[in-house]
Amino acid sequence: LEVRNDPTIQVGKREPLNIPVIEVDYWPESFSTRREDLYGDDG
C-alpha cells in the first residue's frame, strides 16, 4: 500500500436508500398465491 491522505475520496457510511413504501390493507380471503392460480396452463 502507498498511503496518502486524499480528502476527495468518499468512503464510509452511505446514505440510506429512499425506497417508497406502499401501504395496503389485508389481502382478500379469496386471494390465492398458488402457482396454479397465478399462471395459466402454459406455466
PDB file of all heavy atoms in Angstrom:
ATOM      1  N   LEU A   1       0.822  -1.203   0.000  1.00  0.00           N
ATOM      2  CA  LEU A   1       0.000   0.000   0.000  1.00  0.00           C
ATOM      3  C   LEU A   1       0.855   1.251   0.000  1.00  0.00           C
ATOM      4  O   LEU A   1       1.813   1.363   0.760  1.00  0.00           O
ATOM      5  CB  LEU A   1      -0.906   0.029   1.245  1.00  0.00           C
ATOM      6  CG  LEU A   1      -1.868  -1.128   1.422  1.00  0.00           C
ATOM      7  CD1 LEU A   1      -2.593  -0.994   2.733  1.00  0.00           C
ATOM      8  CD2 LEU A   1      -2.847  -1.189   0.270  1.00  0.00           C
ATOM      9  N   GLU A   2       0.516   2.177  -0.850  1.00  0.00           N
ATOM     10  CA  GLU A   2       1.088   3.524  -0.799  1.00  0.00           C
ATOM     11  C   GLU A   2       0.021   4.367  -0.133  1.00  0.00           C
ATOM     12  O   GLU A   2      -1.086   4.522  -0.661  1.00  0.00           O
ATOM     13  CB  GLU A   2       1.375   4.045  -2.205  1.00  0.00           C
ATOM     14  CG  GLU A   2       1.803   5.493  -2.216  1.00  0.00           C
ATOM     15  CD  GLU A   2       1.863   6.066  -3.619  1.00  0.00           C
ATOM     16  OE1 GLU A   2       1.933   5.302  -4.596  1.00  0.00           O
ATOM     17  OE2 GLU A   2       1.802   7.301  -3.731  1.00  0.00           O
ATOM     18  N   VAL A   3       0.311   4.881   1.055  1.00  0.00           N
ATOM     19  CA  VAL A   3      -0.708   5.590   1.829  1.00  0.00           C
ATOM     20  C   VAL A   3      -0.556   7.086   1.623  1.00  0.00           C
ATOM     21  O   VAL A   3       0.495   7.658   1.864  1.00  0.00           O
ATOM     22  CB  VAL A   3      -0.581   5.236   3.331  1.00  0.00           C
ATOM     23  CG1 VAL A   3      -1.633   5.965   4.131  1.00  0.00           C
ATOM     24  CG2 VAL A   3      -0.702   3.740   3.532  1.00  0.00           C
ATOM     25  N   ARG A   4      -1.638   7.716   1.154  1.00  0.00           N
ATOM     26  CA  ARG A   4      -1.682   9.176   1.047  1.00  0.00           C
ATOM     27  C   ARG A   4      -3.086   9.608   1.405  1.00  0.00           C
ATOM     28  O   ARG A   4      -4.071   8.992   0.998  1.00  0.00           O
ATOM     29  CB  ARG A   4      -1.270   9.662  -0.334  1.00  0.00           C
ATOM     30  CG  ARG A   4      -2.042   9.107  -1.474  1.00  0.00           C
ATOM     31  CD  ARG A   4      -1.367   9.430  -2.814  1.00  0.00           C
ATOM     32  NE  ARG A   4      -1.601   8.354  -3.729  1.00  0.00           N
ATOM     33  CZ  ARG A   4      -2.575   8.340  -4.634  1.00  0.00           C
ATOM     34  NH1 ARG A   4      -3.369   9.363  -4.769  1.00  0.00           N
ATOM     35  NH2 ARG A   4      -2.733   7.307  -5.419  1.00  0.00           N
ATOM     36  N   ASN A   5      -3.180  10.617   2.217  1.00  0.00           N
ATOM     37  CA  ASN A   5      -4.476  11.113   2.642  1.00  0.00           C
ATOM     38  C   ASN A   5      -5.089  11.900   1.491  1.00  0.00           C
ATOM     39  O   ASN A   5      -4.521  12.875   1.031  1.00  0.00           O
ATOM     40  CB  ASN A   5      -4.319  11.991   3.882  1.00  0.00           C
ATOM     41  CG  ASN A   5      -5.650  12.343   4.505  1.00  0.00           C
ATOM     42  OD1 ASN A   5      -6.694  11.949   4.004  1.00  0.00           O
ATOM     43  ND2 ASN A   5      -5.611  13.073   5.588  1.00  0.00           N
ATOM     44  N   ASP A   6      -6.232  11.449   1.022  1.00  0.00           N
ATOM     45  CA  ASP A   6      -6.895  12.085  -0.110  1.00  0.00           C
ATOM     46  C   ASP A   6      -8.288  12.526   0.315  1.00  0.00           C
ATOM     47  O   ASP A   6      -9.198  11.705   0.420  1.00  0.00           O
ATOM     48  CB  ASP A   6      -6.975  11.107  -1.282  1.00  0.00           C
ATOM     49  CG  ASP A   6      -7.466  11.758  -2.560  1.00  0.00           C
ATOM     50  OD1 ASP A   6      -8.010  12.883  -2.486  1.00  0.00           O
ATOM     51  OD2 ASP A   6      -7.309  11.143  -3.622  1.00  0.00           O
ATOM     52  N   PRO A   7      -8.483  13.807   0.584  1.00  0.00           N
ATOM     53  CA  PRO A   7      -9.788  14.277   1.067  1.00  0.00           C
ATOM     54  C   PRO A   7     -10.900  14.182   0.030  1.00  0.00           C
ATOM     55  O   PRO A   7     -12.070  14.317   0.366  1.00  0.00           O
ATOM     56  CB  PRO A   7      -9.525  15.735   1.447  1.00  0.00           C
ATOM     57  CG  PRO A   7      -8.324  16.131   0.678  1.00  0.00           C
ATOM     58  CD  PRO A   7      -7.518  14.868   0.467  1.00  0.00           C
ATOM     59  N   THR A   8     -10.571  13.907  -1.227  1.00  0.00           N
ATOM     60  CA  THR A   8     -11.619  13.809  -2.247  1.00  0.00           C
ATOM     61  C   THR A   8     -12.275  12.436  -2.265  1.00  0.00           C
ATOM     62  O   THR A   8     -13.294  12.252  -2.907  1.00  0.00           O
ATOM     63  CB  THR A   8     -11.045  14.101  -3.650  1.00  0.00           C
ATOM     64  OG1 THR A   8     -10.069  13.101  -3.968  1.00  0.00           O
ATOM     65  CG2 THR A   8     -10.420  15.471  -3.700  1.00  0.00           C
ATOM     66  N   ILE A   9     -11.683  11.462  -1.571  1.00  0.00           N
ATOM     67  CA  ILE A   9     -12.237  10.108  -1.546  1.00  0.00           C
ATOM     68  C   ILE A   9     -13.428  10.085  -0.591  1.00  0.00           C
ATOM     69  O   ILE A   9     -13.335  10.514   0.549  1.00  0.00           O
ATOM     70  CB  ILE A   9     -11.177   9.080  -1.111  1.00  0.00           C
ATOM     71  CG1 ILE A   9     -10.028   9.039  -2.120  1.00  0.00           C
ATOM     72  CG2 ILE A   9     -11.807   7.705  -0.948  1.00  0.00           C
ATOM     73  CD1 ILE A   9      -8.879   8.161  -1.698  1.00  0.00           C
ATOM     74  N   GLN A  10     -14.535   9.570  -1.084  1.00  0.00           N
ATOM     75  CA  GLN A  10     -15.752   9.455  -0.281  1.00  0.00           C
ATOM     76  C   GLN A  10     -15.899   8.012   0.185  1.00  0.00           C
ATOM     77  O   GLN A  10     -16.328   7.159  -0.572  1.00  0.00           O
ATOM     78  CB  GLN A  10     -16.981   9.869  -1.113  1.00  0.00           C
ATOM     79  CG  GLN A  10     -16.923  11.284  -1.630  1.00  0.00           C
ATOM     80  CD  GLN A  10     -17.028  12.304  -0.508  1.00  0.00           C
ATOM     81  OE1 GLN A  10     -17.729  12.096   0.462  1.00  0.00           O
ATOM     82  NE2 GLN A  10     -16.294  13.386  -0.644  1.00  0.00           N
ATOM     83  N   VAL A  11     -15.495   7.730   1.414  1.00  0.00           N
ATOM     84  CA  VAL A  11     -15.646   6.389   1.973  1.00  0.00           C
ATOM     85  C   VAL A  11     -16.402   6.500   3.291  1.00  0.00           C
ATOM     86  O   VAL A  11     -16.444   7.549   3.896  1.00  0.00           O
ATOM     87  CB  VAL A  11     -14.289   5.716   2.274  1.00  0.00           C
ATOM     88  CG1 VAL A  11     -14.111   4.438   1.559  1.00  0.00           C
ATOM     89  CG2 VAL A  11     -13.135   6.612   2.104  1.00  0.00           C
ATOM     90  N   GLY A  12     -16.964   5.409   3.698  1.00  0.00           N
ATOM     91  CA  GLY A  12     -17.649   5.412   4.983  1.00  0.00           C
ATOM     92  C   GLY A  12     -19.107   5.069   4.825  1.00  0.00           C
ATOM     93  O   GLY A  12     -19.518   4.404   3.883  1.00  0.00           O
ATOM     94  N   LYS A  13     -19.886   5.557   5.753  1.00  0.00           N
ATOM     95  CA  LYS A  13     -21.311   5.241   5.773  1.00  0.00           C
ATOM     96  C   LYS A  13     -22.009   5.896   4.596  1.00  0.00           C
ATOM     97  O   LYS A  13     -21.735   7.033   4.240  1.00  0.00           O
ATOM     98  CB  LYS A  13     -21.945   5.726   7.073  1.00  0.00           C
ATOM     99  CG  LYS A  13     -21.325   5.119   8.300  1.00  0.00           C
ATOM    100  CD  LYS A  13     -21.651   3.664   8.392  1.00  0.00           C
ATOM    101  CE  LYS A  13     -21.038   3.074   9.644  1.00  0.00           C
ATOM    102  NZ  LYS A  13     -21.054   1.671   9.710  1.00  0.00           N
ATOM    103  N   ARG A  14     -22.927   5.140   3.995  1.00  0.00           N
ATOM    104  CA  ARG A  14     -23.702   5.666   2.874  1.00  0.00           C
ATOM    105  C   ARG A  14     -25.045   6.153   3.369  1.00  0.00           C
ATOM    106  O   ARG A  14     -25.531   5.728   4.407  1.00  0.00           O
ATOM    107  CB  ARG A  14     -23.931   4.571   1.840  1.00  0.00           C
ATOM    108  CG  ARG A  14     -22.673   4.124   1.170  1.00  0.00           C
ATOM    109  CD  ARG A  14     -22.977   3.090   0.116  1.00  0.00           C
ATOM    110  NE  ARG A  14     -21.749   2.701  -0.543  1.00  0.00           N
ATOM    111  CZ  ARG A  14     -21.587   1.573  -1.174  1.00  0.00           C
ATOM    112  NH1 ARG A  14     -22.566   0.709  -1.241  1.00  0.00           N
ATOM    113  NH2 ARG A  14     -20.443   1.281  -1.743  1.00  0.00           N
ATOM    114  N   GLU A  15     -25.641   7.034   2.614  1.00  0.00           N
ATOM    115  CA  GLU A  15     -26.995   7.489   2.909  1.00  0.00           C
ATOM    116  C   GLU A  15     -27.944   6.307   2.782  1.00  0.00           C
ATOM    117  O   GLU A  15     -27.780   5.478   1.891  1.00  0.00           O
ATOM    118  CB  GLU A  15     -27.417   8.583   1.912  1.00  0.00           C
ATOM    119  CG  GLU A  15     -26.647   9.874   2.040  1.00  0.00           C
ATOM    120  CD  GLU A  15     -27.069  10.679   3.239  1.00  0.00           C
ATOM    121  OE1 GLU A  15     -28.275  10.652   3.582  1.00  0.00           O
ATOM    122  OE2 GLU A  15     -26.202  11.315   3.843  1.00  0.00           O
ATOM    123  N   PRO A  16     -28.927   6.197   3.657  1.00  0.00           N
ATOM    124  CA  PRO A  16     -29.885   5.099   3.492  1.00  0.00           C
ATOM    125  C   PRO A  16     -30.673   5.261   2.200  1.00  0.00           C
ATOM    126  O   PRO A  16     -30.904   6.376   1.736  1.00  0.00           O
ATOM    127  CB  PRO A  16     -30.800   5.225   4.710  1.00  0.00           C
ATOM    128  CG  PRO A  16     -30.490   6.534   5.340  1.00  0.00           C
ATOM    129  CD  PRO A  16     -29.191   7.025   4.796  1.00  0.00           C
ATOM    130  N   LEU A  17     -31.058   4.134   1.626  1.00  0.00           N
ATOM    131  CA  LEU A  17     -31.840   4.165   0.397  1.00  0.00           C
ATOM    132  C   LEU A  17     -33.221   4.727   0.677  1.00  0.00           C
ATOM    133  O   LEU A  17     -33.821   4.437   1.708  1.00  0.00           O
ATOM    134  CB  LEU A  17     -31.969   2.756  -0.190  1.00  0.00           C
ATOM    135  CG  LEU A  17     -30.669   2.106  -0.647  1.00  0.00           C
ATOM    136  CD1 LEU A  17     -30.940   0.681  -1.104  1.00  0.00           C
ATOM    137  CD2 LEU A  17     -30.030   2.898  -1.759  1.00  0.00           C
ATOM    138  N   ASN A  18     -33.716   5.523  -0.227  1.00  0.00           N
ATOM    139  CA  ASN A  18     -35.046   6.095  -0.090  1.00  0.00           C
ATOM    140  C   ASN A  18     -36.000   5.258  -0.940  1.00  0.00           C
ATOM    141  O   ASN A  18     -36.270   5.575  -2.087  1.00  0.00           O
ATOM    142  CB  ASN A  18     -35.043   7.557  -0.533  1.00  0.00           C
ATOM    143  CG  ASN A  18     -36.377   8.215  -0.285  1.00  0.00           C
ATOM    144  OD1 ASN A  18     -37.230   7.669   0.409  1.00  0.00           O
ATOM    145  ND2 ASN A  18     -36.563   9.383  -0.855  1.00  0.00           N
ATOM    146  N   ILE A  19     -36.482   4.165  -0.348  1.00  0.00           N
ATOM    147  CA  ILE A  19     -37.363   3.253  -1.069  1.00  0.00           C
ATOM    148  C   ILE A  19     -38.794   3.565  -0.670  1.00  0.00           C
ATOM    149  O   ILE A  19     -39.123   3.564   0.523  1.00  0.00           O
ATOM    150  CB  ILE A  19     -37.018   1.793  -0.740  1.00  0.00           C
ATOM    151  CG1 ILE A  19     -35.570   1.518  -1.150  1.00  0.00           C
ATOM    152  CG2 ILE A  19     -37.984   0.842  -1.418  1.00  0.00           C
ATOM    153  CD1 ILE A  19     -35.065   0.158  -0.757  1.00  0.00           C
ATOM    154  N   PRO A  20     -39.662   3.847  -1.637  1.00  0.00           N
ATOM    155  CA  PRO A  20     -41.044   4.178  -1.281  1.00  0.00           C
ATOM    156  C   PRO A  20     -41.756   2.971  -0.656  1.00  0.00           C
ATOM    157  O   PRO A  20     -41.500   1.827  -1.012  1.00  0.00           O
ATOM    158  CB  PRO A  20     -41.683   4.557  -2.611  1.00  0.00           C
ATOM    159  CG  PRO A  20     -40.789   4.021  -3.657  1.00  0.00           C
ATOM    160  CD  PRO A  20     -39.426   3.882  -3.066  1.00  0.00           C
ATOM    161  N   VAL A  21     -42.602   3.250   0.297  1.00  0.00           N
ATOM    162  CA  VAL A  21     -43.376   2.213   0.975  1.00  0.00           C
ATOM    163  C   VAL A  21     -44.823   2.333   0.514  1.00  0.00           C
ATOM    164  O   VAL A  21     -45.394   3.419   0.519  1.00  0.00           O
ATOM    165  CB  VAL A  21     -43.294   2.379   2.507  1.00  0.00           C
ATOM    166  CG1 VAL A  21     -44.157   1.355   3.207  1.00  0.00           C
ATOM    167  CG2 VAL A  21     -41.847   2.285   2.961  1.00  0.00           C
ATOM    168  N   ILE A  22     -45.386   1.221   0.112  1.00  0.00           N
ATOM    169  CA  ILE A  22     -46.777   1.201  -0.323  1.00  0.00           C
ATOM    170  C   ILE A  22     -47.596   0.542   0.775  1.00  0.00           C
ATOM    171  O   ILE A  22     -47.347  -0.597   1.152  1.00  0.00           O
ATOM    172  CB  ILE A  22     -46.932   0.417  -1.648  1.00  0.00           C
ATOM    173  CG1 ILE A  22     -46.091   1.077  -2.738  1.00  0.00           C
ATOM    174  CG2 ILE A  22     -48.394   0.331  -2.043  1.00  0.00           C
ATOM    175  CD1 ILE A  22     -46.016   0.275  -4.018  1.00  0.00           C
ATOM    176  N   GLU A  23     -48.540   1.286   1.315  1.00  0.00           N
ATOM    177  CA  GLU A  23     -49.403   0.749   2.355  1.00  0.00           C
ATOM    178  C   GLU A  23     -50.599   0.066   1.697  1.00  0.00           C
ATOM    179  O   GLU A  23     -51.237   0.630   0.821  1.00  0.00           O
ATOM    180  CB  GLU A  23     -49.899   1.878   3.263  1.00  0.00           C
ATOM    181  CG  GLU A  23     -48.782   2.590   4.000  1.00  0.00           C
ATOM    182  CD  GLU A  23     -48.171   1.751   5.103  1.00  0.00           C
ATOM    183  OE1 GLU A  23     -48.835   0.822   5.601  1.00  0.00           O
ATOM    184  OE2 GLU A  23     -47.009   2.024   5.452  1.00  0.00           O
ATOM    185  N   VAL A  24     -50.865  -1.155   2.095  1.00  0.00           N
ATOM    186  CA  VAL A  24     -52.015  -1.885   1.573  1.00  0.00           C
ATOM    187  C   VAL A  24     -52.804  -2.456   2.739  1.00  0.00           C
ATOM    188  O   VAL A  24     -52.277  -2.677   3.818  1.00  0.00           O
ATOM    189  CB  VAL A  24     -51.603  -3.034   0.619  1.00  0.00           C
ATOM    190  CG1 VAL A  24     -50.941  -2.506  -0.631  1.00  0.00           C
ATOM    191  CG2 VAL A  24     -50.695  -4.020   1.309  1.00  0.00           C
ATOM    192  N   ASP A  25     -54.075  -2.708   2.490  1.00  0.00           N
ATOM    193  CA  ASP A  25     -54.898  -3.360   3.506  1.00  0.00           C
ATOM    194  C   ASP A  25     -54.641  -4.856   3.450  1.00  0.00           C
ATOM    195  O   ASP A  25     -53.771  -5.330   2.737  1.00  0.00           O
ATOM    196  CB  ASP A  25     -56.387  -3.070   3.233  1.00  0.00           C
ATOM    197  CG  ASP A  25     -56.720  -1.595   3.494  1.00  0.00           C
ATOM    198  OD1 ASP A  25     -56.073  -0.999   4.375  1.00  0.00           O
ATOM    199  OD2 ASP A  25     -57.616  -1.065   2.816  1.00  0.00           O
ATOM    200  N   TYR A  26     -55.444  -5.607   4.160  1.00  0.00           N
ATOM    201  CA  TYR A  26     -55.311  -7.055   4.157  1.00  0.00           C
ATOM    202  C   TYR A  26     -55.690  -7.615   2.791  1.00  0.00           C
ATOM    203  O   TYR A  26     -56.493  -7.048   2.076  1.00  0.00           O
ATOM    204  CB  TYR A  26     -56.224  -7.666   5.223  1.00  0.00           C
ATOM    205  CG  TYR A  26     -55.806  -7.281   6.611  1.00  0.00           C
ATOM    206  CD1 TYR A  26     -56.475  -6.291   7.308  1.00  0.00           C
ATOM    207  CD2 TYR A  26     -54.730  -7.913   7.214  1.00  0.00           C
ATOM    208  CE1 TYR A  26     -56.080  -5.936   8.580  1.00  0.00           C
ATOM    209  CE2 TYR A  26     -54.334  -7.561   8.490  1.00  0.00           C
ATOM    210  CZ  TYR A  26     -55.005  -6.578   9.174  1.00  0.00           C
ATOM    211  OH  TYR A  26     -54.612  -6.224  10.416  1.00  0.00           O
ATOM    212  N   TRP A  27     -55.089  -8.756   2.438  1.00  0.00           N
ATOM    213  CA  TRP A  27     -55.453  -9.440   1.208  1.00  0.00           C
ATOM    214  C   TRP A  27     -56.879  -9.974   1.346  1.00  0.00           C
ATOM    215  O   TRP A  27     -57.275 -10.409   2.425  1.00  0.00           O
ATOM    216  CB  TRP A  27     -54.526 -10.628   0.936  1.00  0.00           C
ATOM    217  CG  TRP A  27     -53.109 -10.243   0.650  1.00  0.00           C
ATOM    218  CD1 TRP A  27     -52.048 -10.434   1.460  1.00  0.00           C
ATOM    219  CD2 TRP A  27     -52.607  -9.614  -0.521  1.00  0.00           C
ATOM    220  NE1 TRP A  27     -50.902  -9.969   0.875  1.00  0.00           N
ATOM    221  CE2 TRP A  27     -51.222  -9.455  -0.355  1.00  0.00           C
ATOM    222  CE3 TRP A  27     -53.188  -9.163  -1.706  1.00  0.00           C
ATOM    223  CZ2 TRP A  27     -50.411  -8.878  -1.314  1.00  0.00           C
ATOM    224  CZ3 TRP A  27     -52.367  -8.587  -2.674  1.00  0.00           C
ATOM    225  CH2 TRP A  27     -51.009  -8.442  -2.468  1.00  0.00           C
ATOM    226  N   PRO A  28     -57.647  -9.973   0.268  1.00  0.00           N
ATOM    227  CA  PRO A  28     -58.973 -10.593   0.341  1.00  0.00           C
ATOM    228  C   PRO A  28     -58.829 -12.084   0.642  1.00  0.00           C
ATOM    229  O   PRO A  28     -57.849 -12.717   0.252  1.00  0.00           O
ATOM    230  CB  PRO A  28     -59.547 -10.390  -1.062  1.00  0.00           C
ATOM    231  CG  PRO A  28     -58.653  -9.431  -1.749  1.00  0.00           C
ATOM    232  CD  PRO A  28     -57.354  -9.407  -1.030  1.00  0.00           C
ATOM    233  N   GLU A  29     -59.787 -12.649   1.359  1.00  0.00           N
ATOM    234  CA  GLU A  29     -59.701 -14.066   1.712  1.00  0.00           C
ATOM    235  C   GLU A  29     -59.702 -14.963   0.484  1.00  0.00           C
ATOM    236  O   GLU A  29     -59.163 -16.062   0.506  1.00  0.00           O
ATOM    237  CB  GLU A  29     -60.845 -14.442   2.646  1.00  0.00           C
ATOM    238  CG  GLU A  29     -60.637 -13.880   4.029  1.00  0.00           C
ATOM    239  CD  GLU A  29     -61.511 -14.562   5.059  1.00  0.00           C
ATOM    240  OE1 GLU A  29     -61.826 -15.751   4.879  1.00  0.00           O
ATOM    241  OE2 GLU A  29     -61.851 -13.886   6.027  1.00  0.00           O
ATOM    242  N   SER A  30     -60.281 -14.500  -0.619  1.00  0.00           N
ATOM    243  CA  SER A  30     -60.327 -15.312  -1.833  1.00  0.00           C
ATOM    244  C   SER A  30     -59.020 -15.230  -2.642  1.00  0.00           C
ATOM    245  O   SER A  30     -58.866 -15.926  -3.627  1.00  0.00           O
ATOM    246  CB  SER A  30     -61.493 -14.857  -2.712  1.00  0.00           C
ATOM    247  OG  SER A  30     -61.297 -13.507  -3.097  1.00  0.00           O
ATOM    248  N   PHE A  31     -58.069 -14.381  -2.215  1.00  0.00           N
ATOM    249  CA  PHE A  31     -56.808 -14.218  -2.950  1.00  0.00           C
ATOM    250  C   PHE A  31     -55.924 -15.436  -2.737  1.00  0.00           C
ATOM    251  O   PHE A  31     -55.717 -15.894  -1.625  1.00  0.00           O
ATOM    252  CB  PHE A  31     -56.083 -12.954  -2.476  1.00  0.00           C
ATOM    253  CG  PHE A  31     -54.820 -12.679  -3.230  1.00  0.00           C
ATOM    254  CD1 PHE A  31     -54.856 -12.140  -4.503  1.00  0.00           C
ATOM    255  CD2 PHE A  31     -53.587 -12.972  -2.680  1.00  0.00           C
ATOM    256  CE1 PHE A  31     -53.698 -11.891  -5.204  1.00  0.00           C
ATOM    257  CE2 PHE A  31     -52.415 -12.725  -3.369  1.00  0.00           C
ATOM    258  CZ  PHE A  31     -52.478 -12.179  -4.635  1.00  0.00           C
ATOM    259  N   SER A  32     -55.390 -15.977  -3.830  1.00  0.00           N
ATOM    260  CA  SER A  32     -54.552 -17.168  -3.762  1.00  0.00           C
ATOM    261  C   SER A  32     -53.201 -16.886  -4.399  1.00  0.00           C
ATOM    262  O   SER A  32     -53.108 -16.218  -5.424  1.00  0.00           O
ATOM    263  CB  SER A  32     -55.222 -18.325  -4.504  1.00  0.00           C
ATOM    264  OG  SER A  32     -54.334 -19.418  -4.588  1.00  0.00           O
ATOM    265  N   THR A  33     -52.164 -17.401  -3.776  1.00  0.00           N
ATOM    266  CA  THR A  33     -50.822 -17.273  -4.356  1.00  0.00           C
ATOM    267  C   THR A  33     -50.300 -18.628  -4.836  1.00  0.00           C
ATOM    268  O   THR A  33     -49.106 -18.774  -5.053  1.00  0.00           O
ATOM    269  CB  THR A  33     -49.833 -16.685  -3.324  1.00  0.00           C
ATOM    270  OG1 THR A  33     -49.830 -17.512  -2.155  1.00  0.00           O
ATOM    271  CG2 THR A  33     -50.216 -15.269  -2.958  1.00  0.00           C
ATOM    272  N   ARG A  34     -51.192 -19.565  -5.012  1.00  0.00           N
ATOM    273  CA  ARG A  34     -50.786 -20.852  -5.553  1.00  0.00           C
ATOM    274  C   ARG A  34     -50.306 -20.668  -6.986  1.00  0.00           C
ATOM    275  O   ARG A  34     -50.865 -19.891  -7.747  1.00  0.00           O
ATOM    276  CB  ARG A  34     -51.962 -21.834  -5.545  1.00  0.00           C
ATOM    277  CG  ARG A  34     -52.390 -22.251  -4.164  1.00  0.00           C
ATOM    278  CD  ARG A  34     -53.511 -23.240  -4.234  1.00  0.00           C
ATOM    279  NE  ARG A  34     -53.341 -24.102  -5.407  1.00  0.00           N
ATOM    280  CZ  ARG A  34     -54.286 -24.862  -5.907  1.00  0.00           C
ATOM    281  NH1 ARG A  34     -55.485 -24.875  -5.368  1.00  0.00           N
ATOM    282  NH2 ARG A  34     -54.063 -25.608  -6.958  1.00  0.00           N
ATOM    283  N   ARG A  35     -49.271 -21.386  -7.346  1.00  0.00           N
ATOM    284  CA  ARG A  35     -48.710 -21.281  -8.695  1.00  0.00           C
ATOM    285  C   ARG A  35     -49.775 -21.541  -9.752  1.00  0.00           C
ATOM    286  O   ARG A  35     -49.857 -20.851 -10.757  1.00  0.00           O
ATOM    287  CB  ARG A  35     -47.552 -22.267  -8.846  1.00  0.00           C
ATOM    288  CG  ARG A  35     -46.892 -22.223 -10.199  1.00  0.00           C
ATOM    289  CD  ARG A  35     -45.680 -23.145 -10.243  1.00  0.00           C
ATOM    290  NE  ARG A  35     -44.926 -22.919 -11.426  1.00  0.00           N
ATOM    291  CZ  ARG A  35     -44.022 -21.971 -11.615  1.00  0.00           C
ATOM    292  NH1 ARG A  35     -43.779 -21.137 -10.651  1.00  0.00           N
ATOM    293  NH2 ARG A  35     -43.376 -21.850 -12.749  1.00  0.00           N
ATOM    294  N   GLU A  36     -50.602 -22.528  -9.513  1.00  0.00           N
ATOM    295  CA  GLU A  36     -51.645 -22.880 -10.468  1.00  0.00           C
ATOM    296  C   GLU A  36     -52.638 -21.729 -10.661  1.00  0.00           C
ATOM    297  O   GLU A  36     -53.211 -21.563 -11.728  1.00  0.00           O
ATOM    298  CB  GLU A  36     -52.400 -24.135 -10.009  1.00  0.00           C
ATOM    299  CG  GLU A  36     -51.552 -25.382  -9.974  1.00  0.00           C
ATOM    300  CD  GLU A  36     -50.714 -25.500  -8.696  1.00  0.00           C
ATOM    301  OE1 GLU A  36     -50.899 -24.690  -7.756  1.00  0.00           O
ATOM    302  OE2 GLU A  36     -49.846 -26.382  -8.646  1.00  0.00           O
ATOM    303  N   ASP A  37     -52.843 -20.946  -9.615  1.00  0.00           N
ATOM    304  CA  ASP A  37     -53.788 -19.815  -9.707  1.00  0.00           C
ATOM    305  C   ASP A  37     -53.131 -18.582 -10.310  1.00  0.00           C
ATOM    306  O   ASP A  37     -53.804 -17.739 -10.904  1.00  0.00           O
ATOM    307  CB  ASP A  37     -54.334 -19.478  -8.331  1.00  0.00           C
ATOM    308  CG  ASP A  37     -55.172 -20.618  -7.759  1.00  0.00           C
ATOM    309  OD1 ASP A  37     -55.677 -21.436  -8.560  1.00  0.00           O
ATOM    310  OD2 ASP A  37     -55.305 -20.685  -6.521  1.00  0.00           O
ATOM    311  N   LEU A  38     -51.820 -18.450 -10.158  1.00  0.00           N
ATOM    312  CA  LEU A  38     -51.127 -17.260 -10.674  1.00  0.00           C
ATOM    313  C   LEU A  38     -50.814 -17.358 -12.160  1.00  0.00           C
ATOM    314  O   LEU A  38     -50.799 -16.356 -12.859  1.00  0.00           O
ATOM    315  CB  LEU A  38     -49.816 -17.034  -9.908  1.00  0.00           C
ATOM    316  CG  LEU A  38     -49.957 -16.631  -8.451  1.00  0.00           C
ATOM    317  CD1 LEU A  38     -48.584 -16.602  -7.787  1.00  0.00           C
ATOM    318  CD2 LEU A  38     -50.608 -15.276  -8.322  1.00  0.00           C
ATOM    319  N   TYR A  39     -50.514 -18.588 -12.634  1.00  0.00           N
ATOM    320  CA  TYR A  39     -50.082 -18.764 -14.004  1.00  0.00           C
ATOM    321  C   TYR A  39     -51.113 -19.556 -14.795  1.00  0.00           C
ATOM    322  O   TYR A  39     -51.860 -20.344 -14.245  1.00  0.00           O
ATOM    323  CB  TYR A  39     -48.732 -19.488 -14.060  1.00  0.00           C
ATOM    324  CG  TYR A  39     -47.630 -18.724 -13.347  1.00  0.00           C
ATOM    325  CD1 TYR A  39     -47.250 -19.067 -12.060  1.00  0.00           C
ATOM    326  CD2 TYR A  39     -47.017 -17.655 -13.946  1.00  0.00           C
ATOM    327  CE1 TYR A  39     -46.256 -18.352 -11.398  1.00  0.00           C
ATOM    328  CE2 TYR A  39     -46.025 -16.928 -13.318  1.00  0.00           C
ATOM    329  CZ  TYR A  39     -45.660 -17.289 -12.037  1.00  0.00           C
ATOM    330  OH  TYR A  39     -44.693 -16.585 -11.392  1.00  0.00           O
ATOM    331  N   GLY A  40     -51.087 -19.356 -16.090  1.00  0.00           N
ATOM    332  CA  GLY A  40     -52.011 -20.088 -16.966  1.00  0.00           C
ATOM    333  C   GLY A  40     -51.573 -21.527 -17.184  1.00  0.00           C
ATOM    334  O   GLY A  40     -50.612 -22.009 -16.584  1.00  0.00           O
ATOM    335  N   ASP A  41     -52.261 -22.180 -18.092  1.00  0.00           N
ATOM    336  CA  ASP A  41     -51.962 -23.581 -18.366  1.00  0.00           C
ATOM    337  C   ASP A  41     -50.576 -23.794 -18.969  1.00  0.00           C
ATOM    338  O   ASP A  41     -49.999 -24.865 -18.856  1.00  0.00           O
ATOM    339  CB  ASP A  41     -53.020 -24.174 -19.318  1.00  0.00           C
ATOM    340  CG  ASP A  41     -54.381 -24.260 -18.647  1.00  0.00           C
ATOM    341  OD1 ASP A  41     -54.427 -24.366 -17.395  1.00  0.00           O
ATOM    342  OD2 ASP A  41     -55.381 -24.223 -19.375  1.00  0.00           O
ATOM    343  N   ASP A  42     -50.028 -22.746 -19.633  1.00  0.00           N
ATOM    344  CA  ASP A  42     -48.697 -22.900 -20.239  1.00  0.00           C
ATOM    345  C   ASP A  42     -47.575 -22.601 -19.247  1.00  0.00           C
ATOM    346  O   ASP A  42     -46.411 -22.590 -19.614  1.00  0.00           O
ATOM    347  CB  ASP A  42     -48.571 -22.010 -21.484  1.00  0.00           C
ATOM    348  CG  ASP A  42     -48.704 -20.530 -21.163  1.00  0.00           C
ATOM    349  OD1 ASP A  42     -49.016 -20.191 -20.001  1.00  0.00           O
ATOM    350  OD2 ASP A  42     -48.505 -19.727 -22.077  1.00  0.00           O
ATOM    351  N   GLY A  43     -47.924 -22.346 -17.995  1.00  0.00           N
ATOM    352  CA  GLY A  43     -46.899 -22.116 -16.974  1.00  0.00           C
ATOM    353  C   GLY A  43     -46.381 -20.697 -16.925  1.00  0.00           C
ATOM    354  O   GLY A  43     -45.403 -20.408 -16.260  1.00  0.00           O
TER     355      GLY A  43
END
